Amino acid sequence: MLFRFLAALVLVTAVALTSVAIQKRNLALKRDISQEQYELEHLREDEARLRLEVQRLESPQRLHQLQQANRGAVTK
């Protein structure tokens, strides 16, 4: 009778420890996913900012200013 009780106790303890290990791994994976999502959002914001900067620099007015500046530099 004692043997069965101890075997059941060991089995319950093993299941509980396995459950804790699985939950710990699950939380670590969720933390990694959250970090990756944060970094992706940051990169998307950087991309949008850089695209706006490229559009600003490629605008006809800006290109005209650069062209005028280059002409002025050549004549000097």
C-alpha atoms as a PDB file:
ATOM      1  CA  MET A   1       0.000   0.000   0.000  1.00  0.00           C
ATOM      2  CA  LEU A   2       2.806   2.411   0.865  1.00  0.00           C
ATOM      3  CA  PHE A   3       4.508   1.575  -2.442  1.00  0.00           C
ATOM      4  CA  ARG A   4       1.428   2.605  -4.437  1.00  0.00           C
ATOM      5  CA  PHE A   5       1.109   5.831  -2.488  1.00  0.00           C
ATOM      6  CA  LEU A   6       4.770   6.711  -3.056  1.00  0.00           C
ATOM      7  CA  ALA A   7       4.519   5.812  -6.751  1.00  0.00           C
ATOM      8  CA  ALA A   8       1.436   8.028  -7.119  1.00  0.00           C
ATOM      9  CA  LEU A   9       3.192  10.835  -5.240  1.00  0.00           C
ATOM     10  CA  VAL A  10       6.250  10.565  -7.492  1.00  0.00           C
ATOM     11  CA  LEU A  11       4.037  10.541 -10.582  1.00  0.00           C
ATOM     12  CA  VAL A  12       2.088  13.631  -9.454  1.00  0.00           C
ATOM     13  CA  THR A  13       5.338  15.426  -8.611  1.00  0.00           C
ATOM     14  CA  ALA A  14       6.835  14.527 -11.996  1.00  0.00           C
ATOM     15  CA  VAL A  15       3.748  15.800 -13.817  1.00  0.00           C
ATOM     16  CA  ALA A  16       3.776  19.028 -11.792  1.00  0.00           C
ATOM     17  CA  LEU A  17       7.482  19.634 -12.468  1.00  0.00           C
ATOM     18  CA  THR A  18       7.004  18.920 -16.163  1.00  0.00           C
ATOM     19  CA  SER A  19       4.083  21.340 -16.231  1.00  0.00           C
ATOM     20  CA  VAL A  20       6.185  24.039 -14.583  1.00  0.00           C
ATOM     21  CA  ALA A  21       9.003  23.481 -17.087  1.00  0.00           C
ATOM     22  CA  ILE A  22       6.578  23.697 -20.016  1.00  0.00           C
ATOM     23  CA  GLN A  23       5.014  26.889 -18.654  1.00  0.00           C
ATOM     24  CA  LYS A  24       8.452  28.411 -18.123  1.00  0.00           C
ATOM     25  CA  ARG A  25       9.437  27.614 -21.709  1.00  0.00           C
ATOM     26  CA  ASN A  26       6.108  28.969 -22.979  1.00  0.00           C
ATOM     27  CA  LEU A  27       6.644  32.262 -21.128  1.00  0.00           C
ATOM     28  CA  ALA A  28      10.182  32.537 -22.499  1.00  0.00           C
ATOM     29  CA  LEU A  29       8.879  32.035 -26.036  1.00  0.00           C
ATOM     30  CA  LYS A  30       6.142  34.622 -25.494  1.00  0.00           C
ATOM     31  CA  ARG A  31       8.751  37.059 -24.210  1.00  0.00           C
ATOM     32  CA  ASP A  32      10.898  36.441 -27.296  1.00  0.00           C
ATOM     33  CA  ILE A  33       7.902  36.963 -29.585  1.00  0.00           C
ATOM     34  CA  SER A  34       7.028  40.188 -27.790  1.00  0.00           C
ATOM     35  CA  GLN A  35      10.599  41.444 -28.172  1.00  0.00           C
ATOM     36  CA  GLU A  36      10.611  40.551 -31.877  1.00  0.00           C
ATOM     37  CA  GLN A  37       7.289  42.357 -32.402  1.00  0.00           C
ATOM     38  CA  TYR A  38       8.672  45.447 -30.661  1.00  0.00           C
ATOM     39  CA  GLU A  39      11.782  45.396 -32.840  1.00  0.00           C
ATOM     40  CA  LEU A  40       9.672  44.876 -35.981  1.00  0.00           C
ATOM     41  CA  GLU A  41       7.478  47.845 -35.068  1.00  0.00           C
ATOM     42  CA  HIS A  42      10.583  49.971 -34.478  1.00  0.00           C
ATOM     43  CA  LEU A  43      12.035  48.917 -37.836  1.00  0.00           C
ATOM     44  CA  ARG A  44       8.758  49.714 -39.602  1.00  0.00           C
ATOM     45  CA  GLU A  45       8.749  53.178 -38.033  1.00  0.00           C
ATOM     46  CA  ASP A  46      12.342  53.691 -39.173  1.00  0.00           C
ATOM     47  CA  GLU A  47      11.419  52.531 -42.672  1.00  0.00           C
ATOM     48  CA  ALA A  48       8.492  54.959 -42.832  1.00  0.00           C
ATOM     49  CA  ARG A  49      10.676  57.813 -41.589  1.00  0.00           C
ATOM     50  CA  LEU A  50      13.373  57.014 -44.131  1.00  0.00           C
ATOM     51  CA  ARG A  51      10.843  56.730 -46.966  1.00  0.00           C
ATOM     52  CA  LEU A  52       9.533  60.182 -46.088  1.00  0.00           C
ATOM     53  CA  GLU A  53      13.079  61.513 -46.061  1.00  0.00           C
ATOM     54  CA  VAL A  54      13.750  59.973 -49.485  1.00  0.00           C
ATOM     55  CA  GLN A  55      10.549  61.503 -50.852  1.00  0.00           C
ATOM     56  CA  ARG A  56      11.526  64.879 -49.435  1.00  0.00           C
ATOM     57  CA  LEU A  57      14.993  64.673 -50.953  1.00  0.00           C
ATOM     58  CA  GLU A  58      13.622  63.528 -54.314  1.00  0.00           C
ATOM     59  CA  SER A  59      11.007  66.262 -54.519  1.00  0.00           C
ATOM     60  CA  PRO A  60      11.227  68.491 -57.604  1.00  0.00           C
ATOM     61  CA  GLN A  61      11.865  71.547 -55.442  1.00  0.00           C
ATOM     62  CA  ARG A  62      14.787  69.866 -53.676  1.00  0.00           C
ATOM     63  CA  LEU A  63      16.232  68.564 -56.949  1.00  0.00           C
ATOM     64  CA  HIS A  64      15.982  72.065 -58.388  1.00  0.00           C
ATOM     65  CA  GLN A  65      17.829  73.459 -55.364  1.00  0.00           C
ATOM     66  CA  LEU A  66      20.581  70.874 -55.785  1.00  0.00           C
ATOM     67  CA  GLN A  67      20.812  71.620 -59.486  1.00  0.00           C
ATOM     68  CA  GLN A  68      21.138  75.344 -58.788  1.00  0.00           C
ATOM     69  CA  ALA A  69      23.751  74.680 -56.112  1.00  0.00           C
ATOM     70  CA  ASN A  70      25.755  72.516 -58.519  1.00  0.00           C
ATOM     71  CA  ARG A  71      25.606  75.206 -61.202  1.00  0.00           C
ATOM     72  CA  GLY A  72      26.799  77.767 -58.693  1.00  0.00           C
ATOM     73  CA  ALA A  73      29.661  75.525 -57.619  1.00  0.00           C
ATOM     74  CA  VAL A  74      30.777  74.970 -61.221  1.00  0.00           C
ATOM     75  CA  THR A  75      30.889  78.686 -62.038  1.00  0.00           C
ATOM     76  CA  LYS A  76      32.975  79.578 -58.995  1.00  0.00           C
END
